[in-house]
Amino acid sequence: LIRLFNETDPDRDDQSMNRFFHIQQSLLHFPIQILISNEKII
């Protein structure tokens, strides 16, 4: 997901902007333990 996020330019088109937004927002819904265990790369 981080790889896909880094490859996405939100200013390129609507698809890219939506992809950028939804990947970023997904972190707010994932279990906190998974986010903490991956904190360094995030």
ModelCIF file with pLDDT and N, C-alpha, C, O atoms, coordinates in Angstrom:
data_MODEL
#
_entry.id   MODEL 
#
_entity.id                         1 
_entity.type                       polymer 
_entity.pdbx_number_of_molecules   1 
#
_entity_poly.entity_id                      1 
_entity_poly.type                           'polypeptide(L)' 
_entity_poly.nstd_linkage                   no 
_entity_poly.nstd_monomer                   no 
_entity_poly.pdbx_seq_one_letter_code       LIRLFNETDPDRDDQSMNRFFHIQQSLLHFPIQILISNEKII 
_entity_poly.pdbx_seq_one_letter_code_can   LIRLFNETDPDRDDQSMNRFFHIQQSLLHFPIQILISNEKII 
_entity_poly.pdbx_strand_id                 A 
#
loop_
_entity_poly_seq.entity_id 
_entity_poly_seq.num 
_entity_poly_seq.mon_id 
_entity_poly_seq.hetero 
1 1  LEU n 
1 2  ILE n 
1 3  ARG n 
1 4  LEU n 
1 5  PHE n 
1 6  ASN n 
1 7  GLU n 
1 8  THR n 
1 9  ASP n 
1 10 PRO n 
1 11 ASP n 
1 12 ARG n 
1 13 ASP n 
1 14 ASP n 
1 15 GLN n 
1 16 SER n 
1 17 MET n 
1 18 ASN n 
1 19 ARG n 
1 20 PHE n 
1 21 PHE n 
1 22 HIS n 
1 23 ILE n 
1 24 GLN n 
1 25 GLN n 
1 26 SER n 
1 27 LEU n 
1 28 LEU n 
1 29 HIS n 
1 30 PHE n 
1 31 PRO n 
1 32 ILE n 
1 33 GLN n 
1 34 ILE n 
1 35 LEU n 
1 36 ILE n 
1 37 SER n 
1 38 ASN n 
1 39 GLU n 
1 40 LYS n 
1 41 ILE n 
1 42 ILE n 
#
_struct_asym.id          A 
_struct_asym.entity_id   1 
#
loop_
_ma_qa_metric.id 
_ma_qa_metric.mode 
_ma_qa_metric.name 
_ma_qa_metric.software_group_id 
_ma_qa_metric.type 
1 global pLDDT . pLDDT 
2 local  pLDDT . pLDDT 
#
_ma_qa_metric_global.metric_id      1 
_ma_qa_metric_global.metric_value   94.71 
_ma_qa_metric_global.model_id       1 
_ma_qa_metric_global.ordinal_id     1 
#
loop_
_ma_qa_metric_local.label_asym_id 
_ma_qa_metric_local.label_comp_id 
_ma_qa_metric_local.label_seq_id 
_ma_qa_metric_local.metric_id 
_ma_qa_metric_local.metric_value 
_ma_qa_metric_local.model_id 
_ma_qa_metric_local.ordinal_id 
A LEU 1  2 97.00 1 1  
A ILE 2  2 97.00 1 2  
A ARG 3  2 96.00 1 3  
A LEU 4  2 96.00 1 4  
A PHE 5  2 96.00 1 5  
A ASN 6  2 95.00 1 6  
A GLU 7  2 94.00 1 7  
A THR 8  2 94.00 1 8  
A ASP 9  2 93.00 1 9  
A PRO 10 2 92.00 1 10 
A ASP 11 2 91.00 1 11 
A ARG 12 2 90.00 1 12 
A ASP 13 2 89.00 1 13 
A ASP 14 2 88.00 1 14 
A GLN 15 2 89.00 1 15 
A SER 16 2 92.00 1 16 
A MET 17 2 93.00 1 17 
A ASN 18 2 93.00 1 18 
A ARG 19 2 94.00 1 19 
A PHE 20 2 95.00 1 20 
A PHE 21 2 95.00 1 21 
A HIS 22 2 96.00 1 22 
A ILE 23 2 96.00 1 23 
A GLN 24 2 95.00 1 24 
A GLN 25 2 95.00 1 25 
A SER 26 2 96.00 1 26 
A LEU 27 2 94.00 1 27 
A LEU 28 2 94.00 1 28 
A HIS 29 2 96.00 1 29 
A PHE 30 2 97.00 1 30 
A PRO 31 2 96.00 1 31 
A ILE 32 2 97.00 1 32 
A GLN 33 2 96.00 1 33 
A ILE 34 2 97.00 1 34 
A LEU 35 2 97.00 1 35 
A ILE 36 2 97.00 1 36 
A SER 37 2 97.00 1 37 
A ASN 38 2 97.00 1 38 
A GLU 39 2 97.00 1 39 
A LYS 40 2 96.00 1 40 
A ILE 41 2 96.00 1 41 
A ILE 42 2 97.00 1 42 
#
loop_
_atom_site.group_PDB 
_atom_site.id 
_atom_site.type_symbol 
_atom_site.label_atom_id 
_atom_site.label_alt_id 
_atom_site.label_comp_id 
_atom_site.label_asym_id 
_atom_site.label_entity_id 
_atom_site.label_seq_id 
_atom_site.pdbx_PDB_ins_code 
_atom_site.Cartn_x 
_atom_site.Cartn_y 
_atom_site.Cartn_z 
_atom_site.occupancy 
_atom_site.B_iso_or_equiv 
_atom_site.pdbx_formal_charge 
_atom_site.auth_seq_id 
_atom_site.auth_comp_id 
_atom_site.auth_asym_id 
_atom_site.auth_atom_id 
_atom_site.pdbx_PDB_model_num 
ATOM 1   N N  . LEU A 1 1  ? 0.830  -1.210 0.000   1.00 97.00 ? 1  LEU A N  1 
ATOM 2   C CA . LEU A 1 1  ? 0.000  0.000  0.000   1.00 97.00 ? 1  LEU A CA 1 
ATOM 3   C C  . LEU A 1 1  ? 0.862  1.257  0.000   1.00 97.00 ? 1  LEU A C  1 
ATOM 4   O O  . LEU A 1 1  ? 0.563  2.230  -0.692  1.00 97.00 ? 1  LEU A O  1 
ATOM 5   N N  . ILE A 1 2  ? 1.932  1.222  0.784   1.00 97.00 ? 2  ILE A N  1 
ATOM 6   C CA . ILE A 1 2  ? 2.839  2.375  0.831   1.00 97.00 ? 2  ILE A CA 1 
ATOM 7   C C  . ILE A 1 2  ? 3.520  2.563  -0.521  1.00 97.00 ? 2  ILE A C  1 
ATOM 8   O O  . ILE A 1 2  ? 3.698  3.689  -0.986  1.00 97.00 ? 2  ILE A O  1 
ATOM 9   N N  . ARG A 1 3  ? 3.895  1.461  -1.140  1.00 96.00 ? 3  ARG A N  1 
ATOM 10  C CA . ARG A 1 3  ? 4.490  1.530  -2.485  1.00 96.00 ? 3  ARG A CA 1 
ATOM 11  C C  . ARG A 1 3  ? 3.510  2.161  -3.469  1.00 96.00 ? 3  ARG A C  1 
ATOM 12  O O  . ARG A 1 3  ? 3.886  3.040  -4.245  1.00 96.00 ? 3  ARG A O  1 
ATOM 13  N N  . LEU A 1 4  ? 2.262  1.716  -3.438  1.00 96.00 ? 4  LEU A N  1 
ATOM 14  C CA . LEU A 1 4  ? 1.233  2.243  -4.333  1.00 96.00 ? 4  LEU A CA 1 
ATOM 15  C C  . LEU A 1 4  ? 0.977  3.722  -4.045  1.00 96.00 ? 4  LEU A C  1 
ATOM 16  O O  . LEU A 1 4  ? 0.792  4.518  -4.966  1.00 96.00 ? 4  LEU A O  1 
ATOM 17  N N  . PHE A 1 5  ? 0.968  4.078  -2.778  1.00 96.00 ? 5  PHE A N  1 
ATOM 18  C CA . PHE A 1 5  ? 0.751  5.473  -2.375  1.00 96.00 ? 5  PHE A CA 1 
ATOM 19  C C  . PHE A 1 5  ? 1.883  6.367  -2.884  1.00 96.00 ? 5  PHE A C  1 
ATOM 20  O O  . PHE A 1 5  ? 1.630  7.453  -3.407  1.00 96.00 ? 5  PHE A O  1 
ATOM 21  N N  . ASN A 1 6  ? 3.117  5.916  -2.733  1.00 95.00 ? 6  ASN A N  1 
ATOM 22  C CA . ASN A 1 6  ? 4.279  6.709  -3.169  1.00 95.00 ? 6  ASN A CA 1 
ATOM 23  C C  . ASN A 1 6  ? 4.330  6.878  -4.690  1.00 95.00 ? 6  ASN A C  1 
ATOM 24  O O  . ASN A 1 6  ? 4.872  7.859  -5.198  1.00 95.00 ? 6  ASN A O  1 
ATOM 25  N N  . GLU A 1 7  ? 3.760  5.909  -5.405  1.00 94.00 ? 7  GLU A N  1 
ATOM 26  C CA . GLU A 1 7  ? 3.747  5.976  -6.871  1.00 94.00 ? 7  GLU A CA 1 
ATOM 27  C C  . GLU A 1 7  ? 2.615  6.851  -7.412  1.00 94.00 ? 7  GLU A C  1 
ATOM 28  O O  . GLU A 1 7  ? 2.558  7.131  -8.609  1.00 94.00 ? 7  GLU A O  1 
ATOM 29  N N  . THR A 1 8  ? 1.721  7.279  -6.529  1.00 94.00 ? 8  THR A N  1 
ATOM 30  C CA . THR A 1 8  ? 0.521  8.008  -6.962  1.00 94.00 ? 8  THR A CA 1 
ATOM 31  C C  . THR A 1 8  ? 0.714  9.516  -6.846  1.00 94.00 ? 8  THR A C  1 
ATOM 32  O O  . THR A 1 8  ? 1.014  10.043 -5.774  1.00 94.00 ? 8  THR A O  1 
ATOM 33  N N  . ASP A 1 9  ? 0.535  10.195 -7.976  1.00 93.00 ? 9  ASP A N  1 
ATOM 34  C CA . ASP A 1 9  ? 0.568  11.658 -7.997  1.00 93.00 ? 9  ASP A CA 1 
ATOM 35  C C  . ASP A 1 9  ? -0.869 12.175 -7.964  1.00 93.00 ? 9  ASP A C  1 
ATOM 36  O O  . ASP A 1 9  ? -1.574 12.058 -8.966  1.00 93.00 ? 9  ASP A O  1 
ATOM 37  N N  . PRO A 1 10 ? -1.324 12.742 -6.848  1.00 92.00 ? 10 PRO A N  1 
ATOM 38  C CA . PRO A 1 10 ? -2.729 13.147 -6.730  1.00 92.00 ? 10 PRO A CA 1 
ATOM 39  C C  . PRO A 1 10 ? -3.130 14.254 -7.698  1.00 92.00 ? 10 PRO A C  1 
ATOM 40  O O  . PRO A 1 10 ? -4.319 14.468 -7.936  1.00 92.00 ? 10 PRO A O  1 
ATOM 41  N N  . ASP A 1 11 ? -2.156 14.952 -8.253  1.00 91.00 ? 11 ASP A N  1 
ATOM 42  C CA . ASP A 1 11 ? -2.460 16.063 -9.168  1.00 91.00 ? 11 ASP A CA 1 
ATOM 43  C C  . ASP A 1 11 ? -2.580 15.616 -10.629 1.00 91.00 ? 11 ASP A C  1 
ATOM 44  O O  . ASP A 1 11 ? -2.890 16.423 -11.506 1.00 91.00 ? 11 ASP A O  1 
ATOM 45  N N  . ARG A 1 12 ? -2.336 14.341 -10.882 1.00 90.00 ? 12 ARG A N  1 
ATOM 46  C CA . ARG A 1 12 ? -2.326 13.880 -12.279 1.00 90.00 ? 12 ARG A CA 1 
ATOM 47  C C  . ARG A 1 12 ? -3.730 13.795 -12.870 1.00 90.00 ? 12 ARG A C  1 
ATOM 48  O O  . ARG A 1 12 ? -3.979 14.316 -13.957 1.00 90.00 ? 12 ARG A O  1 
ATOM 49  N N  . ASP A 1 13 ? -4.646 13.144 -12.162 1.00 89.00 ? 13 ASP A N  1 
ATOM 50  C CA . ASP A 1 13 ? -6.037 13.015 -12.635 1.00 89.00 ? 13 ASP A CA 1 
ATOM 51  C C  . ASP A 1 13 ? -6.927 12.618 -11.462 1.00 89.00 ? 13 ASP A C  1 
ATOM 52  O O  . ASP A 1 13 ? -6.448 12.427 -10.344 1.00 89.00 ? 13 ASP A O  1 
ATOM 53  N N  . ASP A 1 14 ? -8.236 12.495 -11.729 1.00 88.00 ? 14 ASP A N  1 
ATOM 54  C CA . ASP A 1 14 ? -9.200 12.168 -10.663 1.00 88.00 ? 14 ASP A CA 1 
ATOM 55  C C  . ASP A 1 14 ? -8.949 10.787 -10.060 1.00 88.00 ? 14 ASP A C  1 
ATOM 56  O O  . ASP A 1 14 ? -9.056 10.600 -8.848  1.00 88.00 ? 14 ASP A O  1 
ATOM 57  N N  . GLN A 1 15 ? -8.609 9.811  -10.929 1.00 89.00 ? 15 GLN A N  1 
ATOM 58  C CA . GLN A 1 15 ? -8.335 8.454  -10.439 1.00 89.00 ? 15 GLN A CA 1 
ATOM 59  C C  . GLN A 1 15 ? -7.188 8.465  -9.438  1.00 89.00 ? 15 GLN A C  1 
ATOM 60  O O  . GLN A 1 15 ? -7.264 7.838  -8.381  1.00 89.00 ? 15 GLN A O  1 
ATOM 61  N N  . SER A 1 16 ? -6.121 9.189  -9.786  1.00 92.00 ? 16 SER A N  1 
ATOM 62  C CA . SER A 1 16 ? -4.951 9.255  -8.903  1.00 92.00 ? 16 SER A CA 1 
ATOM 63  C C  . SER A 1 16 ? -5.274 9.975  -7.599  1.00 92.00 ? 16 SER A C  1 
ATOM 64  O O  . SER A 1 16 ? -4.830 9.568  -6.526  1.00 92.00 ? 16 SER A O  1 
ATOM 65  N N  . MET A 1 17 ? -6.050 11.047 -7.704  1.00 93.00 ? 17 MET A N  1 
ATOM 66  C CA . MET A 1 17 ? -6.435 11.801 -6.511  1.00 93.00 ? 17 MET A CA 1 
ATOM 67  C C  . MET A 1 17 ? -7.250 10.923 -5.560  1.00 93.00 ? 17 MET A C  1 
ATOM 68  O O  . MET A 1 17 ? -7.017 10.930 -4.351  1.00 93.00 ? 17 MET A O  1 
ATOM 69  N N  . ASN A 1 18 ? -8.213 10.161 -6.111  1.00 93.00 ? 18 ASN A N  1 
ATOM 70  C CA . ASN A 1 18 ? -9.035 9.269  -5.291  1.00 93.00 ? 18 ASN A CA 1 
ATOM 71  C C  . ASN A 1 18 ? -8.204 8.150  -4.672  1.00 93.00 ? 18 ASN A C  1 
ATOM 72  O O  . ASN A 1 18 ? -8.407 7.786  -3.513  1.00 93.00 ? 18 ASN A O  1 
ATOM 73  N N  . ARG A 1 19 ? -7.278 7.614  -5.438  1.00 94.00 ? 19 ARG A N  1 
ATOM 74  C CA . ARG A 1 19 ? -6.418 6.552  -4.923  1.00 94.00 ? 19 ARG A CA 1 
ATOM 75  C C  . ARG A 1 19 ? -5.576 7.072  -3.749  1.00 94.00 ? 19 ARG A C  1 
ATOM 76  O O  . ARG A 1 19 ? -5.458 6.421  -2.712  1.00 94.00 ? 19 ARG A O  1 
ATOM 77  N N  . PHE A 1 20 ? -5.000 8.250  -3.940  1.00 95.00 ? 20 PHE A N  1 
ATOM 78  C CA . PHE A 1 20 ? -4.189 8.891  -2.909  1.00 95.00 ? 20 PHE A CA 1 
ATOM 79  C C  . PHE A 1 20 ? -5.005 9.086  -1.626  1.00 95.00 ? 20 PHE A C  1 
ATOM 80  O O  . PHE A 1 20 ? -4.550 8.763  -0.529  1.00 95.00 ? 20 PHE A O  1 
ATOM 81  N N  . PHE A 1 21 ? -6.216 9.620  -1.789  1.00 95.00 ? 21 PHE A N  1 
ATOM 82  C CA . PHE A 1 21 ? -7.094 9.907  -0.653  1.00 95.00 ? 21 PHE A CA 1 
ATOM 83  C C  . PHE A 1 21 ? -7.485 8.635  0.090   1.00 95.00 ? 21 PHE A C  1 
ATOM 84  O O  . PHE A 1 21 ? -7.376 8.578  1.315   1.00 95.00 ? 21 PHE A O  1 
ATOM 85  N N  . HIS A 1 22 ? -7.944 7.607  -0.641  1.00 96.00 ? 22 HIS A N  1 
ATOM 86  C CA . HIS A 1 22 ? -8.472 6.406  0.006   1.00 96.00 ? 22 HIS A CA 1 
ATOM 87  C C  . HIS A 1 22 ? -7.372 5.591  0.692   1.00 96.00 ? 22 HIS A C  1 
ATOM 88  O O  . HIS A 1 22 ? -7.612 5.012  1.751   1.00 96.00 ? 22 HIS A O  1 
ATOM 89  N N  . ILE A 1 23 ? -6.184 5.538  0.113   1.00 96.00 ? 23 ILE A N  1 
ATOM 90  C CA . ILE A 1 23 ? -5.092 4.820  0.785   1.00 96.00 ? 23 ILE A CA 1 
ATOM 91  C C  . ILE A 1 23 ? -4.722 5.534  2.076   1.00 96.00 ? 23 ILE A C  1 
ATOM 92  O O  . ILE A 1 23 ? -4.508 4.901  3.109   1.00 96.00 ? 23 ILE A O  1 
ATOM 93  N N  . GLN A 1 24 ? -4.649 6.866  2.006   1.00 95.00 ? 24 GLN A N  1 
ATOM 94  C CA . GLN A 1 24 ? -4.329 7.651  3.202   1.00 95.00 ? 24 GLN A CA 1 
ATOM 95  C C  . GLN A 1 24 ? -5.396 7.458  4.283   1.00 95.00 ? 24 GLN A C  1 
ATOM 96  O O  . GLN A 1 24 ? -5.073 7.293  5.459   1.00 95.00 ? 24 GLN A O  1 
ATOM 97  N N  . GLN A 1 25 ? -6.665 7.481  3.877   1.00 95.00 ? 25 GLN A N  1 
ATOM 98  C CA . GLN A 1 25 ? -7.764 7.323  4.834   1.00 95.00 ? 25 GLN A CA 1 
ATOM 99  C C  . GLN A 1 25 ? -7.845 5.908  5.404   1.00 95.00 ? 25 GLN A C  1 
ATOM 100 O O  . GLN A 1 25 ? -8.316 5.720  6.525   1.00 95.00 ? 25 GLN A O  1 
ATOM 101 N N  . SER A 1 26 ? -7.391 4.921  4.646   1.00 96.00 ? 26 SER A N  1 
ATOM 102 C CA . SER A 1 26 ? -7.491 3.525  5.099   1.00 96.00 ? 26 SER A CA 1 
ATOM 103 C C  . SER A 1 26 ? -6.737 3.307  6.406   1.00 96.00 ? 26 SER A C  1 
ATOM 104 O O  . SER A 1 26 ? -7.109 2.451  7.208   1.00 96.00 ? 26 SER A O  1 
ATOM 105 N N  . LEU A 1 27 ? -5.675 4.084  6.618   1.00 94.00 ? 27 LEU A N  1 
ATOM 106 C CA . LEU A 1 27 ? -4.899 3.940  7.858   1.00 94.00 ? 27 LEU A CA 1 
ATOM 107 C C  . LEU A 1 27 ? -5.740 4.247  9.093   1.00 94.00 ? 27 LEU A C  1 
ATOM 108 O O  . LEU A 1 27 ? -5.455 3.751  10.183  1.00 94.00 ? 27 LEU A O  1 
ATOM 109 N N  . LEU A 1 28 ? -6.768 5.059  8.921   1.00 94.00 ? 28 LEU A N  1 
ATOM 110 C CA . LEU A 1 28 ? -7.628 5.418  10.050  1.00 94.00 ? 28 LEU A CA 1 
ATOM 111 C C  . LEU A 1 28 ? -8.584 4.283  10.431  1.00 94.00 ? 28 LEU A C  1 
ATOM 112 O O  . LEU A 1 28 ? -9.238 4.341  11.471  1.00 94.00 ? 28 LEU A O  1 
ATOM 113 N N  . HIS A 1 29 ? -8.660 3.248  9.579   1.00 96.00 ? 29 HIS A N  1 
ATOM 114 C CA . HIS A 1 29 ? -9.600 2.143  9.816   1.00 96.00 ? 29 HIS A CA 1 
ATOM 115 C C  . HIS A 1 29 ? -8.902 0.833  10.167  1.00 96.00 ? 29 HIS A C  1 
ATOM 116 O O  . HIS A 1 29 ? -9.534 -0.076 10.706  1.00 96.00 ? 29 HIS A O  1 
ATOM 117 N N  . PHE A 1 30 ? -7.615 0.725  9.872   1.00 97.00 ? 30 PHE A N  1 
ATOM 118 C CA . PHE A 1 30 ? -6.893 -0.511 10.167  1.00 97.00 ? 30 PHE A CA 1 
ATOM 119 C C  . PHE A 1 30 ? -6.673 -0.670 11.674  1.00 97.00 ? 30 PHE A C  1 
ATOM 120 O O  . PHE A 1 30 ? -6.588 0.324  12.395  1.00 97.00 ? 30 PHE A O  1 
ATOM 121 N N  . PRO A 1 31 ? -6.579 -1.926 12.156  1.00 96.00 ? 31 PRO A N  1 
ATOM 122 C CA . PRO A 1 31 ? -6.295 -2.145 13.583  1.00 96.00 ? 31 PRO A CA 1 
ATOM 123 C C  . PRO A 1 31 ? -5.001 -1.444 13.998  1.00 96.00 ? 31 PRO A C  1 
ATOM 124 O O  . PRO A 1 31 ? -4.000 -1.499 13.285  1.00 96.00 ? 31 PRO A O  1 
ATOM 125 N N  . ILE A 1 32 ? -5.034 -0.800 15.131  1.00 97.00 ? 32 ILE A N  1 
ATOM 126 C CA . ILE A 1 32 ? -3.912 0.036  15.574  1.00 97.00 ? 32 ILE A CA 1 
ATOM 127 C C  . ILE A 1 32 ? -2.632 -0.779 15.778  1.00 97.00 ? 32 ILE A C  1 
ATOM 128 O O  . ILE A 1 32 ? -1.532 -0.262 15.581  1.00 97.00 ? 32 ILE A O  1 
ATOM 129 N N  . GLN A 1 33 ? -2.769 -2.056 16.173  1.00 96.00 ? 33 GLN A N  1 
ATOM 130 C CA . GLN A 1 33 ? -1.585 -2.889 16.401  1.00 96.00 ? 33 GLN A CA 1 
ATOM 131 C C  . GLN A 1 33 ? -0.782 -3.074 15.116  1.00 96.00 ? 33 GLN A C  1 
ATOM 132 O O  . GLN A 1 33 ? 0.449  -3.085 15.140  1.00 96.00 ? 33 GLN A O  1 
ATOM 133 N N  . ILE A 1 34 ? -1.486 -3.219 13.996  1.00 97.00 ? 34 ILE A N  1 
ATOM 134 C CA . ILE A 1 34 ? -0.810 -3.400 12.710  1.00 97.00 ? 34 ILE A CA 1 
ATOM 135 C C  . ILE A 1 34 ? -0.075 -2.122 12.316  1.00 97.00 ? 34 ILE A C  1 
ATOM 136 O O  . ILE A 1 34 ? 1.033  -2.179 11.785  1.00 97.00 ? 34 ILE A O  1 
ATOM 137 N N  . LEU A 1 35 ? -0.691 -0.975 12.577  1.00 97.00 ? 35 LEU A N  1 
ATOM 138 C CA . LEU A 1 35 ? -0.062 0.306  12.252  1.00 97.00 ? 35 LEU A CA 1 
ATOM 139 C C  . LEU A 1 35 ? 1.180  0.527  13.115  1.00 97.00 ? 35 LEU A C  1 
ATOM 140 O O  . LEU A 1 35 ? 2.209  0.993  12.624  1.00 97.00 ? 35 LEU A O  1 
ATOM 141 N N  . ILE A 1 36 ? 1.081  0.196  14.382  1.00 97.00 ? 36 ILE A N  1 
ATOM 142 C CA . ILE A 1 36 ? 2.228  0.388  15.288  1.00 97.00 ? 36 ILE A CA 1 
ATOM 143 C C  . ILE A 1 36 ? 3.393  -0.517 14.894  1.00 97.00 ? 36 ILE A C  1 
ATOM 144 O O  . ILE A 1 36 ? 4.550  -0.100 14.927  1.00 97.00 ? 36 ILE A O  1 
ATOM 145 N N  . SER A 1 37 ? 3.079  -1.760 14.522  1.00 97.00 ? 37 SER A N  1 
ATOM 146 C CA . SER A 1 37 ? 4.148  -2.689 14.134  1.00 97.00 ? 37 SER A CA 1 
ATOM 147 C C  . SER A 1 37 ? 4.814  -2.288 12.819  1.00 97.00 ? 37 SER A C  1 
ATOM 148 O O  . SER A 1 37 ? 5.915  -2.747 12.513  1.00 97.00 ? 37 SER A O  1 
ATOM 149 N N  . ASN A 1 38 ? 4.148  -1.433 12.043  1.00 97.00 ? 38 ASN A N  1 
ATOM 150 C CA . ASN A 1 38 ? 4.721  -0.957 10.779  1.00 97.00 ? 38 ASN A CA 1 
ATOM 151 C C  . ASN A 1 38 ? 5.016  0.551  10.822  1.00 97.00 ? 38 ASN A C  1 
ATOM 152 O O  . ASN A 1 38 ? 5.133  1.198  9.781   1.00 97.00 ? 38 ASN A O  1 
ATOM 153 N N  . GLU A 1 39 ? 5.134  1.095  12.028  1.00 97.00 ? 39 GLU A N  1 
ATOM 154 C CA . GLU A 1 39 ? 5.287  2.546  12.190  1.00 97.00 ? 39 GLU A CA 1 
ATOM 155 C C  . GLU A 1 39 ? 6.504  3.092  11.463  1.00 97.00 ? 39 GLU A C  1 
ATOM 156 O O  . GLU A 1 39 ? 6.430  4.169  10.871  1.00 97.00 ? 39 GLU A O  1 
ATOM 157 N N  . LYS A 1 40 ? 7.613  2.384  11.491  1.00 96.00 ? 40 LYS A N  1 
ATOM 158 C CA . LYS A 1 40 ? 8.852  2.892  10.879  1.00 96.00 ? 40 LYS A CA 1 
ATOM 159 C C  . LYS A 1 40 ? 8.681  3.179  9.394   1.00 96.00 ? 40 LYS A C  1 
ATOM 160 O O  . LYS A 1 40 ? 9.060  4.251  8.924   1.00 96.00 ? 40 LYS A O  1 
ATOM 161 N N  . ILE A 1 41 ? 8.115  2.234  8.654   1.00 96.00 ? 41 ILE A N  1 
ATOM 162 C CA . ILE A 1 41 ? 7.983  2.454  7.200   1.00 96.00 ? 41 ILE A CA 1 
ATOM 163 C C  . ILE A 1 41 ? 6.874  3.453  6.885   1.00 96.00 ? 41 ILE A C  1 
ATOM 164 O O  . ILE A 1 41 ? 6.940  4.156  5.877   1.00 96.00 ? 41 ILE A O  1 
ATOM 165 N N  . ILE A 1 42 ? 5.859  3.518  7.740   1.00 97.00 ? 42 ILE A N  1 
ATOM 166 C CA . ILE A 1 42 ? 4.784  4.500  7.534   1.00 97.00 ? 42 ILE A CA 1 
ATOM 167 C C  . ILE A 1 42 ? 5.320  5.914  7.722   1.00 97.00 ? 42 ILE A C  1 
ATOM 168 O O  . ILE A 1 42 ? 4.570  6.881  7.591   1.00 97.00 ? 42 ILE A O  1 
#
